[in-house]
Amino acid sequence: MGLGSEVHSSESRLAGYVEAITSVLGHADRVVPFQSYCAGLLLPGDRKSVEPMAARVQPARVQAAHQSMHHFVAKSEWSDDAVLAAVRARVMPMIAQRARSVR
């Protein structure tokens, strides 16, 4: 497997993970801010607070991106149980698979 296919595989897995969590956030208005927040966490930069992340994610719309991401984080009105269940559903099978391959 070449580097290009490994990168594509990683991007596909990340997209699936983000989509799984997005599906349980409870409202369509939370999708873009959540995706921007995830991108901001993954992009280079020492400061992972909302304003610097907004500047990296949407440099042409920093104020609007900041407000949207801040609202997403500050008004976290989704179900923690649903989000954690979505995370577990994506992560636990991979952990189990790796544990079986190590044996």
Protein backbone atom coordinates (compact mmCIF):
# COMPACT_ATOMS: atom_id res chain seq x y z
CA MET A 1 0.00 0.00 0.00
CA GLY A 2 1.49 3.35 -1.02
CA LEU A 3 1.51 6.58 0.96
CA GLY A 4 -1.26 8.06 -1.21
CA SER A 5 -3.62 5.20 -0.50
CA GLU A 6 -2.75 5.28 3.22
CA VAL A 7 -3.57 9.00 3.34
CA HIS A 8 -6.84 8.41 1.47
CA SER A 9 -7.71 5.58 3.86
CA SER A 10 -7.00 7.80 6.90
CA GLU A 11 -9.06 10.63 5.43
CA SER A 12 -11.93 8.24 4.73
CA ARG A 13 -11.85 6.85 8.26
CA LEU A 14 -11.77 10.35 9.75
CA ALA A 15 -14.65 11.46 7.52
CA GLY A 16 -16.66 8.42 8.66
CA TYR A 17 -15.89 9.17 12.29
CA VAL A 18 -16.92 12.82 11.97
CA GLU A 19 -20.07 11.81 10.09
CA ALA A 20 -21.01 9.30 12.79
CA ILE A 21 -20.76 11.97 15.47
CA THR A 22 -22.47 14.56 13.27
CA SER A 23 -25.45 12.24 12.89
CA VAL A 24 -26.19 12.37 16.64
CA LEU A 25 -25.69 16.09 17.30
CA GLY A 26 -29.42 16.61 17.09
CA HIS A 27 -29.71 19.59 14.75
CA ALA A 28 -28.51 20.36 11.24
CA ASP A 29 -27.20 23.78 12.35
CA ARG A 30 -24.49 22.02 14.39
CA VAL A 31 -22.92 20.16 11.44
CA VAL A 32 -20.73 22.89 9.91
CA PRO A 33 -19.50 24.29 13.24
CA PHE A 34 -18.64 20.78 14.40
CA GLN A 35 -16.75 20.05 11.18
CA SER A 36 -14.92 23.38 11.48
CA TYR A 37 -14.09 22.67 15.10
CA CYS A 38 -12.67 19.24 14.20
CA ALA A 39 -10.63 20.76 11.36
CA GLY A 40 -9.33 23.45 13.71
CA LEU A 41 -8.18 20.84 16.19
CA LEU A 42 -6.31 18.96 13.49
CA LEU A 43 -4.68 21.91 11.74
CA PRO A 44 -1.24 23.10 12.80
CA GLY A 45 -1.11 25.77 15.46
CA ASP A 46 -0.29 25.93 19.12
CA ARG A 47 -3.51 27.60 20.24
CA LYS A 48 -6.54 25.35 20.08
CA SER A 49 -9.05 27.87 21.39
CA VAL A 50 -11.94 28.83 19.13
CA GLU A 51 -10.73 32.19 17.79
CA PRO A 52 -7.32 31.03 16.48
CA MET A 53 -8.91 27.87 15.07
CA ALA A 54 -11.55 29.96 13.29
CA ALA A 55 -8.80 32.07 11.73
CA ARG A 56 -7.09 28.93 10.40
CA VAL A 57 -10.27 27.22 9.21
CA GLN A 58 -11.96 30.21 7.54
CA PRO A 59 -9.44 33.05 7.21
CA ALA A 60 -11.80 35.11 5.02
CA ARG A 61 -14.63 34.83 7.57
CA VAL A 62 -12.88 34.79 10.94
CA GLN A 63 -15.54 36.63 12.93
CA ALA A 64 -18.44 34.57 11.56
CA ALA A 65 -16.52 31.30 11.96
CA HIS A 66 -15.51 32.28 15.49
CA GLN A 67 -19.10 33.09 16.45
CA SER A 68 -20.41 29.86 14.91
CA MET A 69 -17.77 27.65 16.54
CA HIS A 70 -18.09 29.43 19.88
CA HIS A 71 -21.86 28.97 19.85
CA PHE A 72 -21.38 25.28 19.01
CA VAL A 73 -19.05 24.78 21.99
CA ALA A 74 -20.82 27.07 24.47
CA LYS A 75 -24.35 25.84 23.69
CA SER A 76 -23.59 22.14 23.67
CA GLU A 77 -27.21 21.03 23.64
CA TRP A 78 -26.63 17.57 22.20
CA SER A 79 -26.95 14.33 24.10
CA ASP A 80 -23.61 13.35 25.64
CA ASP A 81 -24.83 9.75 25.81
CA ALA A 82 -25.64 9.71 22.09
CA VAL A 83 -22.28 11.25 21.15
CA LEU A 84 -20.36 8.82 23.36
CA ALA A 85 -22.34 5.89 21.94
CA ALA A 86 -21.44 7.01 18.40
CA VAL A 87 -17.77 7.28 19.40
CA ARG A 88 -17.83 3.84 21.01
CA ALA A 89 -19.54 2.31 17.98
CA ARG A 90 -16.72 3.57 15.73
CA VAL A 91 -13.76 3.04 18.06
CA MET A 92 -14.41 -0.20 19.94
CA PRO A 93 -14.42 -2.46 16.85
CA MET A 94 -11.06 -1.01 15.79
CA ILE A 95 -9.61 -1.57 19.27
CA ALA A 96 -10.89 -5.14 19.29
CA GLN A 97 -9.49 -5.77 15.81
CA ARG A 98 -6.04 -4.49 16.80
CA ALA A 99 -6.12 -6.54 20.01
CA ARG A 100 -6.86 -9.69 17.98
CA SER A 101 -4.03 -8.95 15.55
CA VAL A 102 -1.50 -8.49 18.38
CA ARG A 103 -2.24 -11.92 19.88
